[in-house]
Amino acid sequence: MKTTVSSKGQIVLPAELREQDHIMPGQQFQLERIEEGQYLLKRQPVEDNAGVVDWLLSCPSSDWFQPLPSESTDDL
């Protein structure tokens, strides 16, 4: 497959690859230069429930979600 580098230095992964590998917006990758003209792109693992608290806090219904004041969930 071919892709093009944008004027901002961005490379678009073709939709076919994103769908096959379930790549979502915001997914992080590690880029390694092998040698001139050869690069290795590795998808970084997503933590379980990554972003859930931010998503809950952005809910349009205010004050329904309150973060626990505890540093740990061991006390629950």
PDB file of N, CA and C in Angstrom:
ATOM      1  N   MET A   1       0.834  -1.184   0.000  1.00  0.00           N
ATOM      2  CA  MET A   1       0.000   0.000   0.000  1.00  0.00           C
ATOM      3  C   MET A   1       0.876   1.243   0.000  1.00  0.00           C
ATOM      4  N   LYS A   2       0.370   2.276  -0.590  1.00  0.00           N
ATOM      5  CA  LYS A   2       1.084   3.548  -0.621  1.00  0.00           C
ATOM      6  C   LYS A   2       0.363   4.560   0.249  1.00  0.00           C
ATOM      7  N   THR A   3       1.131   5.469   0.819  1.00  0.00           N
ATOM      8  CA  THR A   3       0.583   6.602   1.547  1.00  0.00           C
ATOM      9  C   THR A   3       1.515   7.774   1.306  1.00  0.00           C
ATOM     10  N   THR A   4       1.087   8.962   1.680  1.00  0.00           N
ATOM     11  CA  THR A   4       1.858  10.167   1.408  1.00  0.00           C
ATOM     12  C   THR A   4       2.082  10.936   2.709  1.00  0.00           C
ATOM     13  N   VAL A   5       3.246  11.539   2.834  1.00  0.00           N
ATOM     14  CA  VAL A   5       3.529  12.389   3.977  1.00  0.00           C
ATOM     15  C   VAL A   5       2.913  13.760   3.708  1.00  0.00           C
ATOM     16  N   SER A   6       2.152  14.276   4.676  1.00  0.00           N
ATOM     17  CA  SER A   6       1.516  15.582   4.510  1.00  0.00           C
ATOM     18  C   SER A   6       2.523  16.699   4.740  1.00  0.00           C
ATOM     19  N   SER A   7       2.098  17.937   4.500  1.00  0.00           N
ATOM     20  CA  SER A   7       2.971  19.095   4.729  1.00  0.00           C
ATOM     21  C   SER A   7       3.306  19.253   6.212  1.00  0.00           C
ATOM     22  N   LYS A   8       2.524  18.624   7.087  1.00  0.00           N
ATOM     23  CA  LYS A   8       2.781  18.664   8.528  1.00  0.00           C
ATOM     24  C   LYS A   8       3.622  17.466   8.981  1.00  0.00           C
ATOM     25  N   GLY A   9       4.060  16.640   8.053  1.00  0.00           N
ATOM     26  CA  GLY A   9       4.864  15.474   8.395  1.00  0.00           C
ATOM     27  C   GLY A   9       4.042  14.284   8.848  1.00  0.00           C
ATOM     28  N   GLN A  10       2.750  14.315   8.626  1.00  0.00           N
ATOM     29  CA  GLN A  10       1.872  13.234   9.052  1.00  0.00           C
ATOM     30  C   GLN A  10       1.749  12.178   7.967  1.00  0.00           C
ATOM     31  N   ILE A  11       1.655  10.924   8.404  1.00  0.00           N
ATOM     32  CA  ILE A  11       1.443   9.810   7.488  1.00  0.00           C
ATOM     33  C   ILE A  11       0.111   9.171   7.844  1.00  0.00           C
ATOM     34  N   VAL A  12      -0.737   8.979   6.863  1.00  0.00           N
ATOM     35  CA  VAL A  12      -2.045   8.373   7.085  1.00  0.00           C
ATOM     36  C   VAL A  12      -1.940   6.870   6.875  1.00  0.00           C
ATOM     37  N   LEU A  13      -2.416   6.119   7.867  1.00  0.00           N
ATOM     38  CA  LEU A  13      -2.521   4.672   7.689  1.00  0.00           C
ATOM     39  C   LEU A  13      -3.789   4.417   6.895  1.00  0.00           C
ATOM     40  N   PRO A  14      -3.712   3.675   5.809  1.00  0.00           N
ATOM     41  CA  PRO A  14      -4.905   3.419   4.998  1.00  0.00           C
ATOM     42  C   PRO A  14      -6.021   2.771   5.824  1.00  0.00           C
ATOM     43  N   ALA A  15      -7.261   3.115   5.492  1.00  0.00           N
ATOM     44  CA  ALA A  15      -8.434   2.630   6.230  1.00  0.00           C
ATOM     45  C   ALA A  15      -8.456   1.104   6.314  1.00  0.00           C
ATOM     46  N   GLU A  16      -8.044   0.437   5.264  1.00  0.00           N
ATOM     47  CA  GLU A  16      -8.041  -1.033   5.258  1.00  0.00           C
ATOM     48  C   GLU A  16      -7.178  -1.581   6.398  1.00  0.00           C
ATOM     49  N   LEU A  17      -5.999  -0.990   6.598  1.00  0.00           N
ATOM     50  CA  LEU A  17      -5.120  -1.436   7.681  1.00  0.00           C
ATOM     51  C   LEU A  17      -5.708  -1.092   9.042  1.00  0.00           C
ATOM     52  N   ARG A  18      -6.269   0.117   9.174  1.00  0.00           N
ATOM     53  CA  ARG A  18      -6.860   0.513  10.456  1.00  0.00           C
ATOM     54  C   ARG A  18      -8.005  -0.416  10.830  1.00  0.00           C
ATOM     55  N   GLU A  19      -8.804  -0.790   9.864  1.00  0.00           N
ATOM     56  CA  GLU A  19      -9.924  -1.696  10.141  1.00  0.00           C
ATOM     57  C   GLU A  19      -9.438  -3.102  10.488  1.00  0.00           C
ATOM     58  N   GLN A  20      -8.469  -3.607   9.742  1.00  0.00           N
ATOM     59  CA  GLN A  20      -7.947  -4.962   9.999  1.00  0.00           C
ATOM     60  C   GLN A  20      -7.360  -5.089  11.394  1.00  0.00           C
ATOM     61  N   ASP A  21      -6.652  -4.052  11.834  1.00  0.00           N
ATOM     62  CA  ASP A  21      -5.952  -4.108  13.111  1.00  0.00           C
ATOM     63  C   ASP A  21      -6.669  -3.355  14.228  1.00  0.00           C
ATOM     64  N   HIS A  22      -7.894  -2.909  13.967  1.00  0.00           N
ATOM     65  CA  HIS A  22      -8.713  -2.221  14.978  1.00  0.00           C
ATOM     66  C   HIS A  22      -7.973  -1.029  15.584  1.00  0.00           C
ATOM     67  N   ILE A  23      -7.387  -0.209  14.730  1.00  0.00           N
ATOM     68  CA  ILE A  23      -6.660   0.981  15.169  1.00  0.00           C
ATOM     69  C   ILE A  23      -7.656   2.125  15.282  1.00  0.00           C
ATOM     70  N   MET A  24      -7.682   2.718  16.461  1.00  0.00           N
ATOM     71  CA  MET A  24      -8.635   3.787  16.751  1.00  0.00           C
ATOM     72  C   MET A  24      -7.899   5.130  16.850  1.00  0.00           C
ATOM     73  N   PRO A  25      -8.631   6.243  16.675  1.00  0.00           N
ATOM     74  CA  PRO A  25      -8.016   7.563  16.839  1.00  0.00           C
ATOM     75  C   PRO A  25      -7.392   7.686  18.225  1.00  0.00           C
ATOM     76  N   GLY A  26      -6.228   8.271  18.282  1.00  0.00           N
ATOM     77  CA  GLY A  26      -5.529   8.453  19.541  1.00  0.00           C
ATOM     78  C   GLY A  26      -4.587   7.311  19.894  1.00  0.00           C
ATOM     79  N   GLN A  27      -4.661   6.218  19.141  1.00  0.00           N
ATOM     80  CA  GLN A  27      -3.776   5.076  19.402  1.00  0.00           C
ATOM     81  C   GLN A  27      -2.338   5.534  19.245  1.00  0.00           C
ATOM     82  N   GLN A  28      -1.471   5.120  20.143  1.00  0.00           N
ATOM     83  CA  GLN A  28      -0.079   5.544  20.097  1.00  0.00           C
ATOM     84  C   GLN A  28       0.795   4.463  19.471  1.00  0.00           C
ATOM     85  N   PHE A  29       1.834   4.932  18.787  1.00  0.00           N
ATOM     86  CA  PHE A  29       2.776   4.058  18.107  1.00  0.00           C
ATOM     87  C   PHE A  29       4.195   4.454  18.474  1.00  0.00           C
ATOM     88  N   GLN A  30       5.099   3.511  18.365  1.00  0.00           N
ATOM     89  CA  GLN A  30       6.528   3.770  18.508  1.00  0.00           C
ATOM     90  C   GLN A  30       7.119   3.658  17.111  1.00  0.00           C
ATOM     91  N   LEU A  31       7.948   4.609  16.750  1.00  0.00           N
ATOM     92  CA  LEU A  31       8.581   4.625  15.437  1.00  0.00           C
ATOM     93  C   LEU A  31      10.075   4.442  15.622  1.00  0.00           C
ATOM     94  N   GLU A  32      10.628   3.483  14.890  1.00  0.00           N
ATOM     95  CA  GLU A  32      12.059   3.195  14.992  1.00  0.00           C
ATOM     96  C   GLU A  32      12.669   3.293  13.590  1.00  0.00           C
ATOM     97  N   ARG A  33      13.776   3.998  13.485  1.00  0.00           N
ATOM     98  CA  ARG A  33      14.490   4.083  12.204  1.00  0.00           C
ATOM     99  C   ARG A  33      15.437   2.897  12.130  1.00  0.00           C
ATOM    100  N   ILE A  34      15.225   2.044  11.155  1.00  0.00           N
ATOM    101  CA  ILE A  34      16.068   0.871  10.956  1.00  0.00           C
ATOM    102  C   ILE A  34      17.355   1.293  10.238  1.00  0.00           C
ATOM    103  N   GLU A  35      17.171   1.933   9.121  1.00  0.00           N
ATOM    104  CA  GLU A  35      18.273   2.521   8.353  1.00  0.00           C
ATOM    105  C   GLU A  35      17.642   3.544   7.427  1.00  0.00           C
ATOM    106  N   GLU A  36      18.445   4.222   6.646  1.00  0.00           N
ATOM    107  CA  GLU A  36      17.911   5.263   5.769  1.00  0.00           C
ATOM    108  C   GLU A  36      16.797   4.698   4.880  1.00  0.00           C
ATOM    109  N   GLY A  37      15.626   5.296   5.000  1.00  0.00           N
ATOM    110  CA  GLY A  37      14.493   4.886   4.172  1.00  0.00           C
ATOM    111  C   GLY A  37      13.704   3.696   4.699  1.00  0.00           C
ATOM    112  N   GLN A  38      14.114   3.106   5.818  1.00  0.00           N
ATOM    113  CA  GLN A  38      13.384   1.967   6.388  1.00  0.00           C
ATOM    114  C   GLN A  38      13.033   2.269   7.838  1.00  0.00           C
ATOM    115  N   TYR A  39      11.753   2.089   8.147  1.00  0.00           N
ATOM    116  CA  TYR A  39      11.248   2.426   9.481  1.00  0.00           C
ATOM    117  C   TYR A  39      10.349   1.303   9.977  1.00  0.00           C
ATOM    118  N   LEU A  40      10.301   1.171  11.292  1.00  0.00           N
ATOM    119  CA  LEU A  40       9.455   0.168  11.914  1.00  0.00           C
ATOM    120  C   LEU A  40       8.441   0.896  12.785  1.00  0.00           C
ATOM    121  N   LEU A  41       7.164   0.629  12.552  1.00  0.00           N
ATOM    122  CA  LEU A  41       6.077   1.257  13.293  1.00  0.00           C
ATOM    123  C   LEU A  41       5.442   0.195  14.181  1.00  0.00           C
ATOM    124  N   LYS A  42       5.455   0.411  15.502  1.00  0.00           N
ATOM    125  CA  LYS A  42       4.894  -0.566  16.438  1.00  0.00           C
ATOM    126  C   LYS A  42       3.774   0.081  17.237  1.00  0.00           C
ATOM    127  N   ARG A  43       2.617  -0.551  17.214  1.00  0.00           N
ATOM    128  CA  ARG A  43       1.486  -0.047  18.003  1.00  0.00           C
ATOM    129  C   ARG A  43       1.751  -0.335  19.470  1.00  0.00           C
ATOM    130  N   GLN A  44       1.540   0.673  20.298  1.00  0.00           N
ATOM    131  CA  GLN A  44       1.715   0.513  21.736  1.00  0.00           C
ATOM    132  C   GLN A  44       0.425  -0.067  22.330  1.00  0.00           C
ATOM    133  N   PRO A  45       0.546  -0.947  23.312  1.00  0.00           N
ATOM    134  CA  PRO A  45      -0.652  -1.531  23.906  1.00  0.00           C
ATOM    135  C   PRO A  45      -1.487  -0.469  24.611  1.00  0.00           C
ATOM    136  N   VAL A  46      -2.794  -0.650  24.557  1.00  0.00           N
ATOM    137  CA  VAL A  46      -3.722   0.251  25.236  1.00  0.00           C
ATOM    138  C   VAL A  46      -4.015  -0.331  26.607  1.00  0.00           C
ATOM    139  N   GLU A  47      -3.910   0.510  27.636  1.00  0.00           N
ATOM    140  CA  GLU A  47      -4.227   0.055  28.982  1.00  0.00           C
ATOM    141  C   GLU A  47      -5.724  -0.204  29.080  1.00  0.00           C
ATOM    142  N   ASP A  48      -6.096  -1.217  29.865  1.00  0.00           N
ATOM    143  CA  ASP A  48      -7.514  -1.481  30.094  1.00  0.00           C
ATOM    144  C   ASP A  48      -8.158  -0.232  30.684  1.00  0.00           C
ATOM    145  N   ASN A  49      -9.302   0.120  30.150  1.00  0.00           N
ATOM    146  CA  ASN A  49     -10.090   1.267  30.626  1.00  0.00           C
ATOM    147  C   ASN A  49      -9.372   2.603  30.462  1.00  0.00           C
ATOM    148  N   ALA A  50      -8.396   2.676  29.581  1.00  0.00           N
ATOM    149  CA  ALA A  50      -7.689   3.933  29.355  1.00  0.00           C
ATOM    150  C   ALA A  50      -8.681   5.000  28.905  1.00  0.00           C
ATOM    151  N   GLY A  51      -8.685   6.129  29.589  1.00  0.00           N
ATOM    152  CA  GLY A  51      -9.544   7.248  29.218  1.00  0.00           C
ATOM    153  C   GLY A  51     -10.950   7.191  29.766  1.00  0.00           C
ATOM    154  N   VAL A  52     -11.307   6.154  30.518  1.00  0.00           N
ATOM    155  CA  VAL A  52     -12.682   6.030  31.010  1.00  0.00           C
ATOM    156  C   VAL A  52     -13.012   7.156  31.981  1.00  0.00           C
ATOM    157  N   VAL A  53     -12.112   7.482  32.898  1.00  0.00           N
ATOM    158  CA  VAL A  53     -12.400   8.541  33.868  1.00  0.00           C
ATOM    159  C   VAL A  53     -12.581   9.871  33.149  1.00  0.00           C
ATOM    160  N   ASP A  54     -11.707  10.179  32.191  1.00  0.00           N
ATOM    161  CA  ASP A  54     -11.867  11.420  31.425  1.00  0.00           C
ATOM    162  C   ASP A  54     -13.202  11.436  30.697  1.00  0.00           C
ATOM    163  N   TRP A  55     -13.590  10.307  30.135  1.00  0.00           N
ATOM    164  CA  TRP A  55     -14.869  10.209  29.424  1.00  0.00           C
ATOM    165  C   TRP A  55     -16.034  10.444  30.385  1.00  0.00           C
ATOM    166  N   LEU A  56     -15.975   9.838  31.552  1.00  0.00           N
ATOM    167  CA  LEU A  56     -17.046  10.030  32.532  1.00  0.00           C
ATOM    168  C   LEU A  56     -17.108  11.474  33.022  1.00  0.00           C
ATOM    169  N   LEU A  57     -15.953  12.079  33.250  1.00  0.00           N
ATOM    170  CA  LEU A  57     -15.928  13.463  33.713  1.00  0.00           C
ATOM    171  C   LEU A  57     -16.427  14.443  32.658  1.00  0.00           C
ATOM    172  N   SER A  58     -16.373  14.061  31.391  1.00  0.00           N
ATOM    173  CA  SER A  58     -16.838  14.952  30.327  1.00  0.00           C
ATOM    174  C   SER A  58     -18.323  14.781  30.030  1.00  0.00           C
ATOM    175  N   CYS A  59     -18.996  13.969  30.814  1.00  0.00           N
ATOM    176  CA  CYS A  59     -20.425  13.713  30.605  1.00  0.00           C
ATOM    177  C   CYS A  59     -21.204  15.021  30.702  1.00  0.00           C
ATOM    178  N   PRO A  60     -22.181  15.241  29.817  1.00  0.00           N
ATOM    179  CA  PRO A  60     -22.950  16.488  29.846  1.00  0.00           C
ATOM    180  C   PRO A  60     -23.821  16.630  31.100  1.00  0.00           C
ATOM    181  N   SER A  61     -24.199  15.547  31.752  1.00  0.00           N
ATOM    182  CA  SER A  61     -24.958  15.634  32.995  1.00  0.00           C
ATOM    183  C   SER A  61     -23.955  15.876  34.113  1.00  0.00           C
ATOM    184  N   SER A  62     -23.984  17.063  34.672  1.00  0.00           N
ATOM    185  CA  SER A  62     -22.944  17.396  35.649  1.00  0.00           C
ATOM    186  C   SER A  62     -23.217  16.775  37.012  1.00  0.00           C
ATOM    187  N   ASP A  63     -22.130  16.533  37.702  1.00  0.00           N
ATOM    188  CA  ASP A  63     -22.127  16.079  39.096  1.00  0.00           C
ATOM    189  C   ASP A  63     -22.679  14.682  39.329  1.00  0.00           C
ATOM    190  N   TRP A  64     -22.890  13.876  38.314  1.00  0.00           N
ATOM    191  CA  TRP A  64     -23.383  12.518  38.575  1.00  0.00           C
ATOM    192  C   TRP A  64     -22.252  11.556  38.866  1.00  0.00           C
ATOM    193  N   PHE A  65     -21.040  11.885  38.399  1.00  0.00           N
ATOM    194  CA  PHE A  65     -19.886  11.019  38.660  1.00  0.00           C
ATOM    195  C   PHE A  65     -18.925  11.752  39.574  1.00  0.00           C
ATOM    196  N   GLN A  66     -18.549  11.104  40.647  1.00  0.00           N
ATOM    197  CA  GLN A  66     -17.597  11.683  41.577  1.00  0.00           C
ATOM    198  C   GLN A  66     -16.422  10.724  41.733  1.00  0.00           C
ATOM    199  N   PRO A  67     -15.198  11.169  41.455  1.00  0.00           N
ATOM    200  CA  PRO A  67     -14.047  10.295  41.654  1.00  0.00           C
ATOM    201  C   PRO A  67     -13.901   9.940  43.130  1.00  0.00           C
ATOM    202  N   LEU A  68     -13.401   8.750  43.403  1.00  0.00           N
ATOM    203  CA  LEU A  68     -13.177   8.326  44.778  1.00  0.00           C
ATOM    204  C   LEU A  68     -12.018   9.123  45.371  1.00  0.00           C
ATOM    205  N   PRO A  69     -12.148   9.577  46.616  1.00  0.00           N
ATOM    206  CA  PRO A  69     -11.057  10.346  47.207  1.00  0.00           C
ATOM    207  C   PRO A  69      -9.868   9.482  47.624  1.00  0.00           C
ATOM    208  N   SER A  70     -10.014   8.174  47.580  1.00  0.00           N
ATOM    209  CA  SER A  70      -8.972   7.267  48.008  1.00  0.00           C
ATOM    210  C   SER A  70      -7.841   7.189  46.995  1.00  0.00           C
ATOM    211  N   GLU A  71      -6.628   6.963  47.466  1.00  0.00           N
ATOM    212  CA  GLU A  71      -5.479   6.765  46.598  1.00  0.00           C
ATOM    213  C   GLU A  71      -5.486   5.354  46.016  1.00  0.00           C
ATOM    214  N   SER A  72      -6.221   4.463  46.668  1.00  0.00           N
ATOM    215  CA  SER A  72      -6.214   3.072  46.286  1.00  0.00           C
ATOM    216  C   SER A  72      -7.632   2.532  46.343  1.00  0.00           C
ATOM    217  N   THR A  73      -7.890   1.531  45.537  1.00  0.00           N
ATOM    218  CA  THR A  73      -9.204   0.867  45.594  1.00  0.00           C
ATOM    219  C   THR A  73      -9.175  -0.329  46.541  1.00  0.00           C
ATOM    220  N   ASP A  74      -8.051  -0.564  47.228  1.00  0.00           N
ATOM    221  CA  ASP A  74      -7.947  -1.688  48.142  1.00  0.00           C
ATOM    222  C   ASP A  74      -8.926  -1.573  49.314  1.00  0.00           C
ATOM    223  N   ASP A  75      -9.301  -0.342  49.644  1.00  0.00           N
ATOM    224  CA  ASP A  75     -10.189  -0.121  50.788  1.00  0.00           C
ATOM    225  C   ASP A  75     -11.651  -0.363  50.451  1.00  0.00           C
ATOM    226  N   LEU A  76     -11.989  -0.563  49.200  1.00  0.00           N
ATOM    227  CA  LEU A  76     -13.391  -0.714  48.803  1.00  0.00           C
ATOM    228  C   LEU A  76     -13.950  -2.066  49.155  1.00  0.00           C
TER     229      LEU A  76
END
